[in-house]
Amino acid sequence: MRAIRASSRKIVVFLIVVLLINVIAGSTMYLVEGPENGYDSMFSGVCWSIVTMSTVGFGTCGFSPLL
């Protein structure tokens, strides 16, 4: 726990940088691809960026209920 507390500033900076990269990449995808290619809003681009960068999926951003 002491190590996490000691490096908390570095962790916060890392998370902010990752967030900024995701927002920039998602905004760029929205501007480049546009609504005609499935990016209906800026959120769609940012969602694509988060899913792609976290390797959770293959850039698909469809949310569906579990049941």
PDB file of N, CA and C in Angstrom:
ATOM      1  N   MET A   1       0.824  -1.193   0.000  1.00  0.00           N
ATOM      2  CA  MET A   1       0.000   0.000   0.000  1.00  0.00           C
ATOM      3  C   MET A   1       0.867   1.255   0.000  1.00  0.00           C
ATOM      4  N   ARG A   2       2.008   1.177   0.643  1.00  0.00           N
ATOM      5  CA  ARG A   2       2.902   2.320   0.704  1.00  0.00           C
ATOM      6  C   ARG A   2       3.444   2.670  -0.684  1.00  0.00           C
ATOM      7  N   ALA A   3       3.684   1.624  -1.508  1.00  0.00           N
ATOM      8  CA  ALA A   3       4.204   1.851  -2.856  1.00  0.00           C
ATOM      9  C   ALA A   3       3.173   2.560  -3.730  1.00  0.00           C
ATOM     10  N   ILE A   4       1.916   2.184  -3.597  1.00  0.00           N
ATOM     11  CA  ILE A   4       0.862   2.837  -4.382  1.00  0.00           C
ATOM     12  C   ILE A   4       0.718   4.291  -3.956  1.00  0.00           C
ATOM     13  N   ARG A   5       0.748   4.521  -2.673  1.00  0.00           N
ATOM     14  CA  ARG A   5       0.639   5.887  -2.178  1.00  0.00           C
ATOM     15  C   ARG A   5       1.825   6.732  -2.631  1.00  0.00           C
ATOM     16  N   ALA A   6       3.012   6.136  -2.667  1.00  0.00           N
ATOM     17  CA  ALA A   6       4.200   6.872  -3.074  1.00  0.00           C
ATOM     18  C   ALA A   6       4.179   7.219  -4.562  1.00  0.00           C
ATOM     19  N   SER A   7       3.556   6.372  -5.366  1.00  0.00           N
ATOM     20  CA  SER A   7       3.533   6.628  -6.808  1.00  0.00           C
ATOM     21  C   SER A   7       2.168   7.110  -7.294  1.00  0.00           C
ATOM     22  N   SER A   8       1.350   7.627  -6.413  1.00  0.00           N
ATOM     23  CA  SER A   8       0.008   8.057  -6.790  1.00  0.00           C
ATOM     24  C   SER A   8       0.034   9.181  -7.819  1.00  0.00           C
ATOM     25  N   ARG A   9       0.991  10.077  -7.739  1.00  0.00           N
ATOM     26  CA  ARG A   9       1.089  11.177  -8.704  1.00  0.00           C
ATOM     27  C   ARG A   9       1.357  10.626 -10.103  1.00  0.00           C
ATOM     28  N   LYS A  10       2.237   9.650 -10.216  1.00  0.00           N
ATOM     29  CA  LYS A  10       2.550   9.049 -11.513  1.00  0.00           C
ATOM     30  C   LYS A  10       1.348   8.295 -12.070  1.00  0.00           C
ATOM     31  N   ILE A  11       0.598   7.638 -11.209  1.00  0.00           N
ATOM     32  CA  ILE A  11      -0.592   6.916 -11.641  1.00  0.00           C
ATOM     33  C   ILE A  11      -1.641   7.885 -12.173  1.00  0.00           C
ATOM     34  N   VAL A  12      -1.847   8.993 -11.485  1.00  0.00           N
ATOM     35  CA  VAL A  12      -2.823   9.993 -11.925  1.00  0.00           C
ATOM     36  C   VAL A  12      -2.416  10.590 -13.267  1.00  0.00           C
ATOM     37  N   VAL A  13      -1.143  10.915 -13.418  1.00  0.00           N
ATOM     38  CA  VAL A  13      -0.657  11.469 -14.686  1.00  0.00           C
ATOM     39  C   VAL A  13      -0.861  10.454 -15.810  1.00  0.00           C
ATOM     40  N   PHE A  14      -0.566   9.191 -15.562  1.00  0.00           N
ATOM     41  CA  PHE A  14      -0.760   8.151 -16.565  1.00  0.00           C
ATOM     42  C   PHE A  14      -2.223   8.058 -16.979  1.00  0.00           C
ATOM     43  N   LEU A  15      -3.136   8.043 -16.013  1.00  0.00           N
ATOM     44  CA  LEU A  15      -4.559   7.928 -16.329  1.00  0.00           C
ATOM     45  C   LEU A  15      -5.063   9.135 -17.115  1.00  0.00           C
ATOM     46  N   ILE A  16      -4.587  10.320 -16.779  1.00  0.00           N
ATOM     47  CA  ILE A  16      -4.978  11.524 -17.515  1.00  0.00           C
ATOM     48  C   ILE A  16      -4.478  11.465 -18.955  1.00  0.00           C
ATOM     49  N   VAL A  17      -3.246  11.011 -19.143  1.00  0.00           N
ATOM     50  CA  VAL A  17      -2.689  10.905 -20.495  1.00  0.00           C
ATOM     51  C   VAL A  17      -3.462   9.877 -21.310  1.00  0.00           C
ATOM     52  N   VAL A  18      -3.794   8.744 -20.722  1.00  0.00           N
ATOM     53  CA  VAL A  18      -4.569   7.721 -21.434  1.00  0.00           C
ATOM     54  C   VAL A  18      -5.953   8.260 -21.793  1.00  0.00           C
ATOM     55  N   LEU A  19      -6.585   8.981 -20.889  1.00  0.00           N
ATOM     56  CA  LEU A  19      -7.887   9.572 -21.166  1.00  0.00           C
ATOM     57  C   LEU A  19      -7.803  10.573 -22.314  1.00  0.00           C
ATOM     58  N   LEU A  20      -6.791  11.426 -22.294  1.00  0.00           N
ATOM     59  CA  LEU A  20      -6.626  12.400 -23.371  1.00  0.00           C
ATOM     60  C   LEU A  20      -6.370  11.733 -24.713  1.00  0.00           C
ATOM     61  N   ILE A  21      -5.550  10.689 -24.721  1.00  0.00           N
ATOM     62  CA  ILE A  21      -5.286   9.968 -25.966  1.00  0.00           C
ATOM     63  C   ILE A  21      -6.573   9.339 -26.499  1.00  0.00           C
ATOM     64  N   ASN A  22      -7.385   8.774 -25.615  1.00  0.00           N
ATOM     65  CA  ASN A  22      -8.658   8.182 -26.034  1.00  0.00           C
ATOM     66  C   ASN A  22      -9.603   9.231 -26.612  1.00  0.00           C
ATOM     67  N   VAL A  23      -9.695  10.375 -25.973  1.00  0.00           N
ATOM     68  CA  VAL A  23     -10.586  11.432 -26.466  1.00  0.00           C
ATOM     69  C   VAL A  23     -10.086  11.958 -27.817  1.00  0.00           C
ATOM     70  N   ILE A  24      -8.785  12.152 -27.941  1.00  0.00           N
ATOM     71  CA  ILE A  24      -8.234  12.644 -29.209  1.00  0.00           C
ATOM     72  C   ILE A  24      -8.425  11.618 -30.322  1.00  0.00           C
ATOM     73  N   ALA A  25      -8.139  10.353 -30.041  1.00  0.00           N
ATOM     74  CA  ALA A  25      -8.306   9.306 -31.060  1.00  0.00           C
ATOM     75  C   ALA A  25      -9.770   9.138 -31.441  1.00  0.00           C
ATOM     76  N   GLY A  26     -10.652   9.153 -30.468  1.00  0.00           N
ATOM     77  CA  GLY A  26     -12.081   9.011 -30.756  1.00  0.00           C
ATOM     78  C   GLY A  26     -12.635  10.190 -31.528  1.00  0.00           C
ATOM     79  N   SER A  27     -12.218  11.390 -31.167  1.00  0.00           N
ATOM     80  CA  SER A  27     -12.661  12.573 -31.898  1.00  0.00           C
ATOM     81  C   SER A  27     -12.148  12.561 -33.324  1.00  0.00           C
ATOM     82  N   THR A  28     -10.917  12.117 -33.506  1.00  0.00           N
ATOM     83  CA  THR A  28     -10.349  12.030 -34.845  1.00  0.00           C
ATOM     84  C   THR A  28     -11.116  11.011 -35.692  1.00  0.00           C
ATOM     85  N   MET A  29     -11.459   9.870 -35.108  1.00  0.00           N
ATOM     86  CA  MET A  29     -12.228   8.873 -35.843  1.00  0.00           C
ATOM     87  C   MET A  29     -13.599   9.429 -36.244  1.00  0.00           C
ATOM     88  N   TYR A  30     -14.226  10.168 -35.351  1.00  0.00           N
ATOM     89  CA  TYR A  30     -15.527  10.757 -35.670  1.00  0.00           C
ATOM     90  C   TYR A  30     -15.393  11.766 -36.809  1.00  0.00           C
ATOM     91  N   LEU A  31     -14.368  12.597 -36.763  1.00  0.00           N
ATOM     92  CA  LEU A  31     -14.185  13.607 -37.798  1.00  0.00           C
ATOM     93  C   LEU A  31     -13.786  12.996 -39.134  1.00  0.00           C
ATOM     94  N   VAL A  32     -12.959  11.954 -39.110  1.00  0.00           N
ATOM     95  CA  VAL A  32     -12.486  11.340 -40.346  1.00  0.00           C
ATOM     96  C   VAL A  32     -13.559  10.442 -40.960  1.00  0.00           C
ATOM     97  N   GLU A  33     -14.158   9.583 -40.156  1.00  0.00           N
ATOM     98  CA  GLU A  33     -15.119   8.614 -40.683  1.00  0.00           C
ATOM     99  C   GLU A  33     -16.513   9.221 -40.866  1.00  0.00           C
ATOM    100  N   GLY A  34     -17.000   9.919 -39.854  1.00  0.00           N
ATOM    101  CA  GLY A  34     -18.290  10.587 -39.959  1.00  0.00           C
ATOM    102  C   GLY A  34     -19.488   9.678 -39.783  1.00  0.00           C
ATOM    103  N   PRO A  35     -20.677  10.284 -39.786  1.00  0.00           N
ATOM    104  CA  PRO A  35     -21.915   9.531 -39.564  1.00  0.00           C
ATOM    105  C   PRO A  35     -22.218   8.499 -40.658  1.00  0.00           C
ATOM    106  N   GLU A  36     -21.739   8.736 -41.866  1.00  0.00           N
ATOM    107  CA  GLU A  36     -22.040   7.790 -42.951  1.00  0.00           C
ATOM    108  C   GLU A  36     -21.347   6.448 -42.760  1.00  0.00           C
ATOM    109  N   ASN A  37     -20.345   6.377 -41.874  1.00  0.00           N
ATOM    110  CA  ASN A  37     -19.638   5.125 -41.607  1.00  0.00           C
ATOM    111  C   ASN A  37     -19.937   4.563 -40.218  1.00  0.00           C
ATOM    112  N   GLY A  38     -21.003   5.025 -39.587  1.00  0.00           N
ATOM    113  CA  GLY A  38     -21.430   4.449 -38.317  1.00  0.00           C
ATOM    114  C   GLY A  38     -21.048   5.237 -37.077  1.00  0.00           C
ATOM    115  N   TYR A  39     -20.322   6.323 -37.226  1.00  0.00           N
ATOM    116  CA  TYR A  39     -19.957   7.148 -36.071  1.00  0.00           C
ATOM    117  C   TYR A  39     -20.970   8.283 -35.969  1.00  0.00           C
ATOM    118  N   ASP A  40     -22.081   7.990 -35.300  1.00  0.00           N
ATOM    119  CA  ASP A  40     -23.187   8.942 -35.231  1.00  0.00           C
ATOM    120  C   ASP A  40     -22.908  10.127 -34.321  1.00  0.00           C
ATOM    121  N   SER A  41     -22.023   9.942 -33.350  1.00  0.00           N
ATOM    122  CA  SER A  41     -21.702  11.019 -32.414  1.00  0.00           C
ATOM    123  C   SER A  41     -20.245  10.901 -31.992  1.00  0.00           C
ATOM    124  N   MET A  42     -19.800  11.913 -31.294  1.00  0.00           N
ATOM    125  CA  MET A  42     -18.436  11.898 -30.779  1.00  0.00           C
ATOM    126  C   MET A  42     -18.263  10.755 -29.778  1.00  0.00           C
ATOM    127  N   PHE A  43     -19.331  10.442 -29.050  1.00  0.00           N
ATOM    128  CA  PHE A  43     -19.275   9.344 -28.090  1.00  0.00           C
ATOM    129  C   PHE A  43     -18.975   8.019 -28.784  1.00  0.00           C
ATOM    130  N   SER A  44     -19.506   7.823 -29.979  1.00  0.00           N
ATOM    131  CA  SER A  44     -19.228   6.589 -30.719  1.00  0.00           C
ATOM    132  C   SER A  44     -17.742   6.457 -31.008  1.00  0.00           C
ATOM    133  N   GLY A  45     -17.111   7.553 -31.378  1.00  0.00           N
ATOM    134  CA  GLY A  45     -15.674   7.529 -31.640  1.00  0.00           C
ATOM    135  C   GLY A  45     -14.863   7.266 -30.387  1.00  0.00           C
ATOM    136  N   VAL A  46     -15.249   7.907 -29.288  1.00  0.00           N
ATOM    137  CA  VAL A  46     -14.524   7.705 -28.032  1.00  0.00           C
ATOM    138  C   VAL A  46     -14.752   6.285 -27.522  1.00  0.00           C
ATOM    139  N   CYS A  47     -15.961   5.775 -27.675  1.00  0.00           N
ATOM    140  CA  CYS A  47     -16.242   4.392 -27.279  1.00  0.00           C
ATOM    141  C   CYS A  47     -15.387   3.429 -28.093  1.00  0.00           C
ATOM    142  N   TRP A  48     -15.298   3.648 -29.393  1.00  0.00           N
ATOM    143  CA  TRP A  48     -14.443   2.821 -30.254  1.00  0.00           C
ATOM    144  C   TRP A  48     -12.993   2.868 -29.767  1.00  0.00           C
ATOM    145  N   SER A  49     -12.525   4.057 -29.427  1.00  0.00           N
ATOM    146  CA  SER A  49     -11.138   4.219 -28.983  1.00  0.00           C
ATOM    147  C   SER A  49     -10.878   3.477 -27.676  1.00  0.00           C
ATOM    148  N   ILE A  50     -11.789   3.565 -26.731  1.00  0.00           N
ATOM    149  CA  ILE A  50     -11.610   2.893 -25.446  1.00  0.00           C
ATOM    150  C   ILE A  50     -11.613   1.381 -25.631  1.00  0.00           C
ATOM    151  N   VAL A  51     -12.570   0.873 -26.423  1.00  0.00           N
ATOM    152  CA  VAL A  51     -12.663  -0.565 -26.649  1.00  0.00           C
ATOM    153  C   VAL A  51     -11.423  -1.068 -27.384  1.00  0.00           C
ATOM    154  N   THR A  52     -10.968  -0.317 -28.366  1.00  0.00           N
ATOM    155  CA  THR A  52      -9.816  -0.742 -29.151  1.00  0.00           C
ATOM    156  C   THR A  52      -8.529  -0.679 -28.341  1.00  0.00           C
ATOM    157  N   MET A  53      -8.323   0.395 -27.580  1.00  0.00           N
ATOM    158  CA  MET A  53      -7.075   0.544 -26.825  1.00  0.00           C
ATOM    159  C   MET A  53      -7.005  -0.388 -25.625  1.00  0.00           C
ATOM    160  N   SER A  54      -8.147  -0.762 -25.091  1.00  0.00           N
ATOM    161  CA  SER A  54      -8.117  -1.665 -23.940  1.00  0.00           C
ATOM    162  C   SER A  54      -8.158  -3.127 -24.363  1.00  0.00           C
ATOM    163  N   THR A  55      -8.188  -3.383 -25.635  1.00  0.00           N
ATOM    164  CA  THR A  55      -8.236  -4.719 -26.234  1.00  0.00           C
ATOM    165  C   THR A  55      -9.369  -5.566 -25.668  1.00  0.00           C
ATOM    166  N   VAL A  56     -10.487  -4.916 -25.331  1.00  0.00           N
ATOM    167  CA  VAL A  56     -11.654  -5.635 -24.850  1.00  0.00           C
ATOM    168  C   VAL A  56     -12.381  -6.269 -26.025  1.00  0.00           C
ATOM    169  N   GLY A  57     -12.353  -5.602 -27.159  1.00  0.00           N
ATOM    170  CA  GLY A  57     -13.049  -6.093 -28.344  1.00  0.00           C
ATOM    171  C   GLY A  57     -12.283  -5.707 -29.587  1.00  0.00           C
ATOM    172  N   PHE A  58     -12.950  -5.809 -30.683  1.00  0.00           N
ATOM    173  CA  PHE A  58     -12.328  -5.511 -31.963  1.00  0.00           C
ATOM    174  C   PHE A  58     -12.864  -4.211 -32.529  1.00  0.00           C
ATOM    175  N   GLY A  59     -13.067  -3.226 -31.682  1.00  0.00           N
ATOM    176  CA  GLY A  59     -13.587  -1.952 -32.122  1.00  0.00           C
ATOM    177  C   GLY A  59     -15.097  -1.911 -32.200  1.00  0.00           C
ATOM    178  N   THR A  60     -15.762  -2.958 -31.734  1.00  0.00           N
ATOM    179  CA  THR A  60     -17.223  -2.958 -31.742  1.00  0.00           C
ATOM    180  C   THR A  60     -17.720  -2.325 -30.456  1.00  0.00           C
ATOM    181  N   CYS A  61     -18.712  -1.504 -30.574  1.00  0.00           N
ATOM    182  CA  CYS A  61     -19.180  -0.758 -29.410  1.00  0.00           C
ATOM    183  C   CYS A  61     -20.662  -0.936 -29.182  1.00  0.00           C
ATOM    184  N   GLY A  62     -21.179  -2.095 -29.429  1.00  0.00           N
ATOM    185  CA  GLY A  62     -22.591  -2.337 -29.215  1.00  0.00           C
ATOM    186  C   GLY A  62     -22.844  -2.775 -27.781  1.00  0.00           C
ATOM    187  N   PHE A  63     -23.691  -2.051 -27.094  1.00  0.00           N
ATOM    188  CA  PHE A  63     -24.027  -2.421 -25.725  1.00  0.00           C
ATOM    189  C   PHE A  63     -25.340  -3.176 -25.740  1.00  0.00           C
ATOM    190  N   SER A  64     -25.367  -4.318 -25.093  1.00  0.00           N
ATOM    191  CA  SER A  64     -26.588  -5.088 -25.016  1.00  0.00           C
ATOM    192  C   SER A  64     -26.738  -5.637 -23.599  1.00  0.00           C
ATOM    193  N   PRO A  65     -27.974  -5.818 -23.166  1.00  0.00           N
ATOM    194  CA  PRO A  65     -28.177  -6.376 -21.821  1.00  0.00           C
ATOM    195  C   PRO A  65     -27.699  -7.830 -21.744  1.00  0.00           C
ATOM    196  N   LEU A  66     -27.351  -8.251 -20.560  1.00  0.00           N
ATOM    197  CA  LEU A  66     -26.858  -9.597 -20.369  1.00  0.00           C
ATOM    198  C   LEU A  66     -27.939 -10.646 -20.526  1.00  0.00           C
ATOM    199  N   LEU A  67     -29.157 -10.307 -20.191  1.00  0.00           N
ATOM    200  CA  LEU A  67     -30.255 -11.280 -20.271  1.00  0.00           C
ATOM    201  C   LEU A  67     -31.054 -11.105 -21.529  1.00  0.00           C
TER     202      LEU A  67
END
